[in-house]
Amino acid sequence: MLCIENKDCEDLERRKVYQMLPDDEALKEGFLRVIDESGEDYLYPKFYFISVQVPLEAQEALQFASG
């Protein structure tokens, strides 16, 4: 997910891609569960992000870098 807003959130950077974790209950309430700059997952308003398609090579590189 690409962060497009970070109002009052020190652990999010605008224009940065973040990993989203599945959380159907949070989504129903208008939130996304995202791993932020702290390395932990937290709920953030859905409108703080837009979905982006990341090429497979980039997904693999990101997984390798975080693993």
N, C-alpha and C. Protein backbone atom coordinates (compact mmCIF):
# COMPACT_ATOMS: atom_id res chain seq x y z
N MET A 1 0.85 -1.17 0.00
CA MET A 1 0.00 0.00 0.00
C MET A 1 0.90 1.24 0.00
N LEU A 2 0.55 2.20 -0.81
CA LEU A 2 1.30 3.45 -0.89
C LEU A 2 0.67 4.46 0.06
N CYS A 3 1.47 4.99 0.96
CA CYS A 3 0.98 5.99 1.92
C CYS A 3 0.84 7.34 1.21
N ILE A 4 -0.35 7.90 1.29
CA ILE A 4 -0.60 9.22 0.68
C ILE A 4 -0.95 10.27 1.72
N GLU A 5 -1.10 9.85 2.97
CA GLU A 5 -1.41 10.77 4.07
C GLU A 5 -0.82 10.20 5.35
N ASN A 6 -0.33 11.07 6.21
CA ASN A 6 0.23 10.61 7.49
C ASN A 6 -0.06 11.57 8.63
N LYS A 7 -1.16 12.28 8.53
CA LYS A 7 -1.52 13.26 9.55
C LYS A 7 -1.50 12.64 10.94
N ASP A 8 -0.73 13.25 11.84
CA ASP A 8 -0.61 12.82 13.23
C ASP A 8 -0.03 11.42 13.39
N CYS A 9 0.69 10.91 12.38
CA CYS A 9 1.28 9.57 12.45
C CYS A 9 2.78 9.66 12.21
N GLU A 10 3.55 9.61 13.28
CA GLU A 10 4.99 9.70 13.16
C GLU A 10 5.62 8.44 12.56
N ASP A 11 4.88 7.32 12.56
CA ASP A 11 5.42 6.06 12.08
C ASP A 11 5.04 5.73 10.64
N LEU A 12 4.56 6.74 9.90
CA LEU A 12 4.26 6.59 8.48
C LEU A 12 4.95 7.69 7.70
N GLU A 13 5.47 7.34 6.51
CA GLU A 13 6.07 8.33 5.63
C GLU A 13 5.25 8.40 4.35
N ARG A 14 4.86 9.60 3.98
CA ARG A 14 4.14 9.78 2.72
C ARG A 14 5.04 9.37 1.56
N ARG A 15 4.41 8.83 0.52
CA ARG A 15 5.07 8.37 -0.71
C ARG A 15 5.94 7.14 -0.48
N LYS A 16 5.66 6.38 0.57
CA LYS A 16 6.40 5.15 0.84
C LYS A 16 5.44 3.97 0.79
N VAL A 17 5.93 2.82 0.31
CA VAL A 17 5.11 1.62 0.20
C VAL A 17 5.22 0.81 1.49
N TYR A 18 4.07 0.38 1.99
CA TYR A 18 4.01 -0.41 3.23
C TYR A 18 3.28 -1.73 2.99
N GLN A 19 3.66 -2.72 3.76
CA GLN A 19 2.99 -4.01 3.70
C GLN A 19 1.70 -3.97 4.51
N MET A 20 0.64 -4.47 3.90
CA MET A 20 -0.64 -4.56 4.58
C MET A 20 -0.88 -6.01 4.97
N LEU A 21 -1.40 -6.22 6.16
CA LEU A 21 -1.76 -7.56 6.62
C LEU A 21 -3.28 -7.72 6.52
N PRO A 22 -3.74 -8.92 6.18
CA PRO A 22 -5.19 -9.12 6.08
C PRO A 22 -5.88 -8.93 7.43
N ASP A 23 -6.97 -8.18 7.43
CA ASP A 23 -7.76 -7.97 8.64
C ASP A 23 -9.15 -7.52 8.19
N ASP A 24 -10.03 -8.48 7.95
CA ASP A 24 -11.36 -8.18 7.43
C ASP A 24 -12.18 -7.32 8.38
N GLU A 25 -12.04 -7.54 9.68
CA GLU A 25 -12.80 -6.74 10.65
C GLU A 25 -12.38 -5.28 10.61
N ALA A 26 -11.08 -5.02 10.54
CA ALA A 26 -10.58 -3.65 10.47
C ALA A 26 -11.06 -2.98 9.18
N LEU A 27 -11.02 -3.73 8.07
CA LEU A 27 -11.44 -3.19 6.79
C LEU A 27 -12.91 -2.77 6.82
N LYS A 28 -13.74 -3.56 7.48
CA LYS A 28 -15.17 -3.23 7.61
C LYS A 28 -15.37 -1.90 8.36
N GLU A 29 -14.43 -1.58 9.24
CA GLU A 29 -14.51 -0.35 10.03
C GLU A 29 -13.78 0.82 9.37
N GLY A 30 -13.19 0.58 8.16
CA GLY A 30 -12.51 1.65 7.44
C GLY A 30 -11.04 1.79 7.77
N PHE A 31 -10.44 0.71 8.29
CA PHE A 31 -9.03 0.74 8.65
C PHE A 31 -8.26 -0.36 7.92
N LEU A 32 -6.95 -0.16 7.80
CA LEU A 32 -6.05 -1.16 7.26
C LEU A 32 -5.01 -1.50 8.33
N ARG A 33 -4.63 -2.76 8.39
CA ARG A 33 -3.55 -3.18 9.30
C ARG A 33 -2.25 -3.14 8.50
N VAL A 34 -1.36 -2.25 8.88
CA VAL A 34 -0.14 -1.96 8.12
C VAL A 34 1.07 -2.10 9.03
N ILE A 35 2.16 -2.66 8.47
CA ILE A 35 3.43 -2.69 9.20
C ILE A 35 4.10 -1.35 8.95
N ASP A 36 4.23 -0.55 10.00
CA ASP A 36 4.74 0.81 9.84
C ASP A 36 6.24 0.88 10.12
N GLU A 37 6.77 2.09 10.26
CA GLU A 37 8.20 2.31 10.47
C GLU A 37 8.73 1.70 11.77
N SER A 38 7.85 1.44 12.72
CA SER A 38 8.28 0.83 13.98
C SER A 38 8.54 -0.66 13.80
N GLY A 39 8.09 -1.21 12.67
CA GLY A 39 8.24 -2.65 12.42
C GLY A 39 7.08 -3.46 12.97
N GLU A 40 6.13 -2.79 13.59
CA GLU A 40 4.95 -3.45 14.15
C GLU A 40 3.74 -3.14 13.27
N ASP A 41 2.70 -3.96 13.41
CA ASP A 41 1.48 -3.69 12.65
C ASP A 41 0.48 -2.93 13.51
N TYR A 42 -0.11 -1.92 12.89
CA TYR A 42 -1.11 -1.08 13.55
C TYR A 42 -2.23 -0.78 12.56
N LEU A 43 -3.34 -0.34 13.10
CA LEU A 43 -4.47 0.06 12.25
C LEU A 43 -4.36 1.53 11.90
N TYR A 44 -4.57 1.82 10.62
CA TYR A 44 -4.56 3.19 10.12
C TYR A 44 -5.79 3.39 9.24
N PRO A 45 -6.27 4.63 9.15
CA PRO A 45 -7.42 4.89 8.28
C PRO A 45 -7.12 4.45 6.84
N LYS A 46 -8.09 3.82 6.23
CA LYS A 46 -7.94 3.30 4.87
C LYS A 46 -7.56 4.41 3.89
N PHE A 47 -8.10 5.62 4.10
CA PHE A 47 -7.85 6.71 3.16
C PHE A 47 -6.41 7.24 3.22
N TYR A 48 -5.60 6.74 4.15
CA TYR A 48 -4.19 7.11 4.20
C TYR A 48 -3.38 6.41 3.11
N PHE A 49 -3.98 5.43 2.42
CA PHE A 49 -3.25 4.58 1.49
C PHE A 49 -4.01 4.38 0.19
N ILE A 50 -3.24 4.07 -0.85
CA ILE A 50 -3.82 3.58 -2.10
C ILE A 50 -3.07 2.29 -2.44
N SER A 51 -3.79 1.41 -3.10
CA SER A 51 -3.22 0.13 -3.50
C SER A 51 -2.35 0.33 -4.74
N VAL A 52 -1.20 -0.30 -4.76
CA VAL A 52 -0.31 -0.26 -5.93
C VAL A 52 0.09 -1.69 -6.27
N GLN A 53 0.27 -1.94 -7.55
CA GLN A 53 0.76 -3.24 -8.01
C GLN A 53 2.29 -3.17 -8.06
N VAL A 54 2.91 -4.11 -7.37
CA VAL A 54 4.38 -4.16 -7.34
C VAL A 54 4.81 -5.37 -8.17
N PRO A 55 5.76 -5.19 -9.11
CA PRO A 55 6.22 -6.32 -9.91
C PRO A 55 6.75 -7.46 -9.03
N LEU A 56 6.64 -8.68 -9.51
CA LEU A 56 7.06 -9.86 -8.76
C LEU A 56 8.51 -9.74 -8.29
N GLU A 57 9.40 -9.25 -9.14
CA GLU A 57 10.81 -9.12 -8.75
C GLU A 57 10.96 -8.18 -7.57
N ALA A 58 10.18 -7.11 -7.55
CA ALA A 58 10.25 -6.16 -6.44
C ALA A 58 9.67 -6.78 -5.17
N GLN A 59 8.59 -7.55 -5.28
CA GLN A 59 8.01 -8.22 -4.12
C GLN A 59 9.03 -9.16 -3.49
N GLU A 60 9.72 -9.93 -4.34
CA GLU A 60 10.72 -10.87 -3.84
C GLU A 60 11.88 -10.14 -3.17
N ALA A 61 12.31 -9.03 -3.78
CA ALA A 61 13.41 -8.25 -3.21
C ALA A 61 13.01 -7.67 -1.85
N LEU A 62 11.78 -7.18 -1.75
CA LEU A 62 11.31 -6.61 -0.48
C LEU A 62 11.20 -7.67 0.58
N GLN A 63 10.74 -8.86 0.24
CA GLN A 63 10.65 -9.95 1.21
C GLN A 63 12.03 -10.36 1.68
N PHE A 64 12.98 -10.42 0.76
CA PHE A 64 14.34 -10.80 1.11
C PHE A 64 14.97 -9.75 2.03
N ALA A 65 14.71 -8.48 1.75
CA ALA A 65 15.29 -7.40 2.55
C ALA A 65 14.72 -7.37 3.97
N SER A 66 13.45 -7.74 4.13
CA SER A 66 12.85 -7.67 5.46
C SER A 66 13.02 -8.97 6.23
N GLY A 67 13.45 -10.03 5.58
CA GLY A 67 13.50 -11.34 6.22
C GLY A 67 14.75 -11.61 6.93
